[in-house]
N, C-alpha and C. Protein backbone atom coordinates (compact mmCIF):
# COMPACT_ATOMS: atom_id res chain seq x y z
N MET A 1 0.65 23.73 13.51
CA MET A 1 1.39 23.18 12.38
C MET A 1 1.81 21.74 12.68
N LEU A 2 2.29 21.50 13.89
CA LEU A 2 2.70 20.17 14.26
C LEU A 2 1.53 19.20 14.18
N LYS A 3 0.37 19.64 14.59
CA LYS A 3 -0.82 18.80 14.52
C LYS A 3 -1.16 18.42 13.07
N LEU A 4 -1.01 19.37 12.17
CA LEU A 4 -1.25 19.12 10.75
C LEU A 4 -0.25 18.10 10.21
N LEU A 5 1.01 18.24 10.55
CA LEU A 5 2.03 17.31 10.09
C LEU A 5 1.77 15.90 10.61
N ARG A 6 1.35 15.78 11.86
CA ARG A 6 1.03 14.47 12.41
C ARG A 6 -0.16 13.87 11.69
N SER A 7 -1.14 14.69 11.36
CA SER A 7 -2.31 14.24 10.65
C SER A 7 -1.94 13.73 9.26
N ILE A 8 -1.12 14.48 8.56
CA ILE A 8 -0.67 14.09 7.23
C ILE A 8 0.14 12.80 7.30
N ARG A 9 1.02 12.73 8.26
CA ARG A 9 1.86 11.53 8.44
C ARG A 9 0.98 10.32 8.76
N GLY A 10 -0.03 10.50 9.61
CA GLY A 10 -0.95 9.42 9.94
C GLY A 10 -1.74 8.97 8.73
N PHE A 11 -2.14 9.90 7.88
CA PHE A 11 -2.87 9.56 6.66
C PHE A 11 -2.00 8.71 5.77
N SER A 12 -0.76 9.12 5.60
CA SER A 12 0.17 8.39 4.76
C SER A 12 0.36 6.97 5.29
N THR A 13 0.56 6.84 6.59
CA THR A 13 0.76 5.54 7.19
C THR A 13 -0.47 4.66 7.01
N ASN A 14 -1.67 5.23 7.24
CA ASN A 14 -2.90 4.46 7.07
C ASN A 14 -3.09 4.05 5.61
N LEU A 15 -2.83 4.97 4.73
CA LEU A 15 -2.98 4.67 3.30
C LEU A 15 -2.04 3.55 2.89
N GLU A 16 -0.81 3.62 3.36
CA GLU A 16 0.17 2.57 3.04
C GLU A 16 -0.28 1.23 3.61
N ARG A 17 -0.84 1.24 4.82
CA ARG A 17 -1.29 0.01 5.45
C ARG A 17 -2.49 -0.57 4.69
N VAL A 18 -3.43 0.29 4.32
CA VAL A 18 -4.60 -0.16 3.57
C VAL A 18 -4.15 -0.74 2.22
N GLU A 19 -3.32 0.00 1.54
CA GLU A 19 -2.85 -0.44 0.22
C GLU A 19 -2.13 -1.80 0.33
N ALA A 20 -1.23 -1.93 1.28
CA ALA A 20 -0.50 -3.18 1.45
C ALA A 20 -1.43 -4.36 1.76
N THR A 21 -2.44 -4.10 2.57
CA THR A 21 -3.40 -5.15 2.93
C THR A 21 -4.24 -5.55 1.73
N VAL A 22 -4.71 -4.57 0.96
CA VAL A 22 -5.50 -4.86 -0.24
C VAL A 22 -4.65 -5.70 -1.21
N PHE A 23 -3.41 -5.26 -1.44
CA PHE A 23 -2.53 -6.02 -2.34
C PHE A 23 -2.33 -7.45 -1.83
N ASP A 24 -2.13 -7.60 -0.54
CA ASP A 24 -1.90 -8.92 0.04
C ASP A 24 -3.10 -9.83 -0.17
N VAL A 25 -4.30 -9.31 0.09
CA VAL A 25 -5.52 -10.11 -0.06
C VAL A 25 -5.73 -10.50 -1.51
N VAL A 26 -5.63 -9.55 -2.42
CA VAL A 26 -5.85 -9.84 -3.84
C VAL A 26 -4.81 -10.83 -4.36
N ARG A 27 -3.57 -10.64 -3.98
CA ARG A 27 -2.50 -11.54 -4.45
C ARG A 27 -2.62 -12.95 -3.88
N SER A 28 -3.40 -13.12 -2.81
CA SER A 28 -3.52 -14.44 -2.17
C SER A 28 -4.41 -15.41 -2.96
N PHE A 29 -5.14 -14.91 -3.93
CA PHE A 29 -6.00 -15.78 -4.73
C PHE A 29 -5.14 -16.57 -5.71
N ASP A 30 -5.38 -17.88 -5.76
CA ASP A 30 -4.59 -18.75 -6.64
C ASP A 30 -4.66 -18.34 -8.10
N LYS A 31 -5.79 -17.84 -8.53
CA LYS A 31 -5.96 -17.52 -9.95
C LYS A 31 -5.35 -16.17 -10.33
N VAL A 32 -4.84 -15.42 -9.36
CA VAL A 32 -4.24 -14.11 -9.62
C VAL A 32 -2.72 -14.25 -9.75
N VAL A 33 -2.19 -13.64 -10.79
CA VAL A 33 -0.74 -13.58 -10.96
C VAL A 33 -0.28 -12.37 -10.15
N PRO A 34 0.42 -12.60 -9.03
CA PRO A 34 0.76 -11.51 -8.12
C PRO A 34 1.46 -10.32 -8.76
N SER A 35 2.31 -10.57 -9.73
CA SER A 35 3.07 -9.49 -10.35
C SER A 35 2.18 -8.57 -11.20
N LEU A 36 0.98 -9.00 -11.51
CA LEU A 36 0.06 -8.18 -12.31
C LEU A 36 -0.81 -7.24 -11.48
N VAL A 37 -0.74 -7.39 -10.16
CA VAL A 37 -1.58 -6.58 -9.28
C VAL A 37 -0.92 -5.24 -9.04
N ASP A 38 -1.66 -4.18 -9.40
CA ASP A 38 -1.23 -2.83 -9.08
C ASP A 38 -2.46 -1.99 -8.74
N ARG A 39 -2.27 -0.73 -8.46
CA ARG A 39 -3.40 0.12 -8.06
C ARG A 39 -4.49 0.18 -9.11
N ASN A 40 -4.13 0.09 -10.37
CA ASN A 40 -5.11 0.24 -11.46
C ASN A 40 -5.76 -1.08 -11.87
N SER A 41 -5.40 -2.18 -11.23
CA SER A 41 -5.94 -3.47 -11.60
C SER A 41 -7.43 -3.59 -11.29
N LYS A 42 -8.17 -4.01 -12.30
CA LYS A 42 -9.58 -4.34 -12.10
C LYS A 42 -9.64 -5.82 -11.76
N PHE A 43 -10.52 -6.18 -10.84
CA PHE A 43 -10.60 -7.56 -10.40
C PHE A 43 -10.90 -8.49 -11.58
N GLU A 44 -11.79 -8.08 -12.46
CA GLU A 44 -12.15 -8.90 -13.61
C GLU A 44 -10.93 -9.18 -14.48
N ASP A 45 -10.08 -8.17 -14.66
CA ASP A 45 -8.86 -8.34 -15.48
C ASP A 45 -7.86 -9.29 -14.83
N LEU A 46 -7.96 -9.44 -13.52
CA LEU A 46 -7.07 -10.34 -12.77
C LEU A 46 -7.62 -11.76 -12.73
N GLY A 47 -8.82 -11.95 -13.31
CA GLY A 47 -9.44 -13.29 -13.32
C GLY A 47 -10.39 -13.54 -12.17
N LEU A 48 -10.69 -12.49 -11.40
CA LEU A 48 -11.61 -12.65 -10.28
C LEU A 48 -13.04 -12.36 -10.74
N ASP A 49 -13.96 -13.24 -10.34
CA ASP A 49 -15.36 -13.03 -10.68
C ASP A 49 -16.08 -12.33 -9.51
N SER A 50 -17.38 -12.18 -9.63
CA SER A 50 -18.12 -11.43 -8.61
C SER A 50 -18.06 -12.11 -7.24
N LEU A 51 -18.07 -13.44 -7.22
CA LEU A 51 -17.96 -14.14 -5.93
C LEU A 51 -16.58 -13.92 -5.32
N ASP A 52 -15.55 -13.95 -6.14
CA ASP A 52 -14.18 -13.67 -5.65
C ASP A 52 -14.11 -12.26 -5.08
N THR A 53 -14.77 -11.31 -5.75
CA THR A 53 -14.76 -9.92 -5.27
C THR A 53 -15.39 -9.83 -3.90
N ILE A 54 -16.49 -10.54 -3.70
CA ILE A 54 -17.12 -10.55 -2.36
C ILE A 54 -16.16 -11.15 -1.35
N GLU A 55 -15.45 -12.19 -1.73
CA GLU A 55 -14.47 -12.81 -0.82
C GLU A 55 -13.35 -11.82 -0.47
N VAL A 56 -12.91 -11.04 -1.45
CA VAL A 56 -11.91 -10.00 -1.19
C VAL A 56 -12.43 -9.02 -0.15
N VAL A 57 -13.66 -8.53 -0.36
CA VAL A 57 -14.25 -7.55 0.55
C VAL A 57 -14.42 -8.13 1.95
N VAL A 58 -14.91 -9.36 2.04
CA VAL A 58 -15.10 -9.98 3.35
C VAL A 58 -13.77 -10.13 4.09
N GLU A 59 -12.75 -10.57 3.37
CA GLU A 59 -11.43 -10.70 3.99
C GLU A 59 -10.90 -9.35 4.48
N LEU A 60 -11.10 -8.33 3.68
CA LEU A 60 -10.66 -6.98 4.08
C LEU A 60 -11.46 -6.48 5.28
N GLU A 61 -12.75 -6.74 5.29
CA GLU A 61 -13.57 -6.35 6.45
C GLU A 61 -13.05 -7.03 7.72
N GLU A 62 -12.71 -8.30 7.60
CA GLU A 62 -12.20 -9.03 8.77
C GLU A 62 -10.85 -8.47 9.23
N ARG A 63 -9.97 -8.19 8.28
CA ARG A 63 -8.64 -7.69 8.64
C ARG A 63 -8.71 -6.30 9.27
N PHE A 64 -9.62 -5.46 8.77
CA PHE A 64 -9.72 -4.10 9.30
C PHE A 64 -10.77 -3.98 10.40
N LYS A 65 -11.49 -5.07 10.67
CA LYS A 65 -12.51 -5.11 11.70
C LYS A 65 -13.57 -4.02 11.51
N ILE A 66 -14.06 -3.96 10.26
CA ILE A 66 -15.13 -3.02 9.92
C ILE A 66 -16.14 -3.74 9.04
N ASP A 67 -17.34 -3.17 8.95
CA ASP A 67 -18.38 -3.68 8.07
C ASP A 67 -18.76 -2.59 7.09
N LEU A 68 -18.63 -2.88 5.82
CA LEU A 68 -19.05 -1.94 4.80
C LEU A 68 -20.56 -2.08 4.60
N SER A 69 -21.18 -1.01 4.14
CA SER A 69 -22.58 -1.07 3.78
C SER A 69 -22.70 -1.85 2.47
N ASP A 70 -23.89 -2.36 2.20
CA ASP A 70 -24.10 -3.08 0.94
C ASP A 70 -23.80 -2.18 -0.25
N GLN A 71 -24.13 -0.91 -0.15
CA GLN A 71 -23.87 0.04 -1.23
C GLN A 71 -22.37 0.17 -1.50
N GLU A 72 -21.58 0.21 -0.42
CA GLU A 72 -20.13 0.32 -0.59
C GLU A 72 -19.55 -0.96 -1.20
N VAL A 73 -20.05 -2.10 -0.76
CA VAL A 73 -19.56 -3.38 -1.30
C VAL A 73 -19.79 -3.45 -2.80
N LEU A 74 -20.93 -2.96 -3.24
CA LEU A 74 -21.26 -3.00 -4.68
C LEU A 74 -20.39 -2.08 -5.52
N LYS A 75 -19.67 -1.16 -4.88
CA LYS A 75 -18.79 -0.23 -5.58
C LYS A 75 -17.37 -0.75 -5.78
N VAL A 76 -17.06 -1.91 -5.20
CA VAL A 76 -15.69 -2.43 -5.25
C VAL A 76 -15.54 -3.33 -6.48
N HIS A 77 -14.80 -2.82 -7.47
CA HIS A 77 -14.54 -3.55 -8.70
C HIS A 77 -13.05 -3.60 -9.04
N SER A 78 -12.25 -2.92 -8.24
CA SER A 78 -10.82 -2.84 -8.56
C SER A 78 -10.01 -2.67 -7.28
N VAL A 79 -8.70 -2.79 -7.45
CA VAL A 79 -7.79 -2.57 -6.33
C VAL A 79 -7.98 -1.15 -5.78
N MET A 80 -8.04 -0.17 -6.67
CA MET A 80 -8.17 1.22 -6.24
C MET A 80 -9.51 1.47 -5.55
N ASP A 81 -10.59 0.84 -6.03
CA ASP A 81 -11.87 0.96 -5.35
C ASP A 81 -11.76 0.48 -3.90
N ALA A 82 -11.14 -0.67 -3.73
CA ALA A 82 -10.98 -1.24 -2.39
C ALA A 82 -10.12 -0.33 -1.51
N ILE A 83 -9.03 0.17 -2.05
CA ILE A 83 -8.16 1.07 -1.27
C ILE A 83 -8.94 2.31 -0.85
N ASN A 84 -9.64 2.93 -1.77
CA ASN A 84 -10.36 4.17 -1.46
C ASN A 84 -11.46 3.94 -0.44
N ILE A 85 -12.23 2.88 -0.60
CA ILE A 85 -13.36 2.64 0.31
C ILE A 85 -12.87 2.27 1.70
N PHE A 86 -11.89 1.39 1.78
CA PHE A 86 -11.40 0.99 3.10
C PHE A 86 -10.61 2.11 3.78
N GLN A 87 -9.93 2.93 3.00
CA GLN A 87 -9.18 4.05 3.57
C GLN A 87 -10.11 4.99 4.33
N LYS A 88 -11.33 5.18 3.83
CA LYS A 88 -12.31 6.05 4.49
C LYS A 88 -12.66 5.58 5.87
N HIS A 89 -12.58 4.26 6.09
CA HIS A 89 -13.03 3.67 7.36
C HIS A 89 -11.90 3.41 8.36
N VAL A 90 -10.67 3.42 7.90
CA VAL A 90 -9.54 3.14 8.77
C VAL A 90 -9.04 4.43 9.38
N SER A 91 -9.02 4.46 10.69
CA SER A 91 -8.60 5.70 11.35
C SER A 91 -7.14 5.68 11.72
């Protein structure tokens, strides 16, 4: 039981870290209004184009020290996409 609780607690901590990092990276773009960024934000709605999206992914890869596959990169269109994909890779 203790092992399960530690696992759940670790998941929560990692999820919070991933979420905070994604928010930080997206909000760092000059064209993004930081207060409009939430889990449901689509990058296009925030004013980010496809090149900006690649920049978001590259910055997140650097911060988490991981490399996504090309297939995974192509699936990132929103804050929630980025959180979900990077959460899978962060231990």
